[in-house]
Amino acid sequence: MSEPMPTGEKLFDVRMLEALICPVTHAGLRYDAERQELISKNAGLAFPIRDGIPVMLIDEARALD
């Protein structure tokens, strides 16, 4: 059973991963709790989570190394 993960003031509910997809590839995402990001390995992007809310804008994503 998934528990919400802390993200500063608000929590990110990992159950949201079931509904979220990468806006570039339309594939699933992986949650990186340490960096507070959603990772799209296929697109090579990491989408930030701010105040418990995933920011799924390509312009806001970080390129993966």
Protein backbone atom coordinates (compact mmCIF):
# COMPACT_ATOMS: atom_id res chain seq x y z
CA MET A 1 0.00 0.00 0.00
CA SER A 2 1.52 3.28 -1.13
CA GLU A 3 2.13 6.03 1.34
CA PRO A 4 2.45 9.69 0.39
CA MET A 5 6.05 10.84 0.28
CA PRO A 6 7.18 14.10 1.88
CA THR A 7 8.03 17.02 -0.40
CA GLY A 8 8.74 20.01 1.77
CA GLU A 9 5.44 21.44 2.98
CA LYS A 10 3.09 19.18 1.01
CA LEU A 11 3.04 15.51 0.11
CA PHE A 12 3.26 13.80 -3.25
CA ASP A 13 0.89 10.85 -3.39
CA VAL A 14 2.71 8.08 -5.26
CA ARG A 15 -0.68 6.65 -6.31
CA MET A 16 -0.73 9.53 -8.83
CA LEU A 17 1.89 7.62 -10.84
CA GLU A 18 -0.88 5.32 -12.06
CA ALA A 19 -2.53 8.26 -13.86
CA LEU A 20 0.49 10.31 -14.96
CA ILE A 21 2.39 9.79 -18.21
CA CYS A 22 5.30 11.54 -19.86
CA PRO A 23 4.05 14.40 -22.07
CA VAL A 24 6.73 13.57 -24.65
CA THR A 25 6.63 9.77 -24.96
CA HIS A 26 3.29 8.98 -23.31
CA ALA A 27 5.10 6.28 -21.32
CA GLY A 28 5.01 5.70 -17.58
CA LEU A 29 7.16 7.60 -15.10
CA ARG A 30 9.40 6.61 -12.19
CA TYR A 31 9.33 8.52 -8.90
CA ASP A 32 12.68 9.70 -7.51
CA ALA A 33 11.89 10.49 -3.87
CA GLU A 34 15.37 11.82 -3.08
CA ARG A 35 15.33 14.45 -5.85
CA GLN A 36 11.55 14.95 -5.81
CA GLU A 37 11.21 14.32 -9.53
CA LEU A 38 9.29 12.13 -11.92
CA ILE A 39 11.68 10.45 -14.34
CA SER A 40 10.95 9.66 -17.98
CA LYS A 41 13.87 7.47 -18.99
CA ASN A 42 12.64 7.19 -22.60
CA ALA A 43 12.51 10.98 -23.02
CA GLY A 44 15.65 11.58 -20.94
CA LEU A 45 13.80 14.10 -18.75
CA ALA A 46 13.10 14.63 -15.05
CA PHE A 47 9.95 16.57 -14.15
CA PRO A 48 10.05 18.44 -10.82
CA ILE A 49 7.56 18.02 -8.00
CA ARG A 50 6.84 21.33 -6.26
CA ASP A 51 4.74 21.52 -3.10
CA GLY A 52 3.49 18.00 -3.80
CA ILE A 53 2.38 18.82 -7.36
CA PRO A 54 4.15 17.34 -10.41
CA VAL A 55 5.09 20.00 -12.95
CA MET A 56 4.63 18.16 -16.25
CA LEU A 57 5.78 21.00 -18.52
CA ILE A 58 8.59 20.16 -20.92
CA ASP A 59 10.12 23.62 -20.40
CA GLU A 60 10.36 22.92 -16.65
CA ALA A 61 11.97 19.47 -17.04
CA ARG A 62 15.62 18.76 -16.40
CA ALA A 63 17.63 16.78 -18.95
CA LEU A 64 18.98 13.53 -17.54
CA ASP A 65 22.72 12.90 -17.73
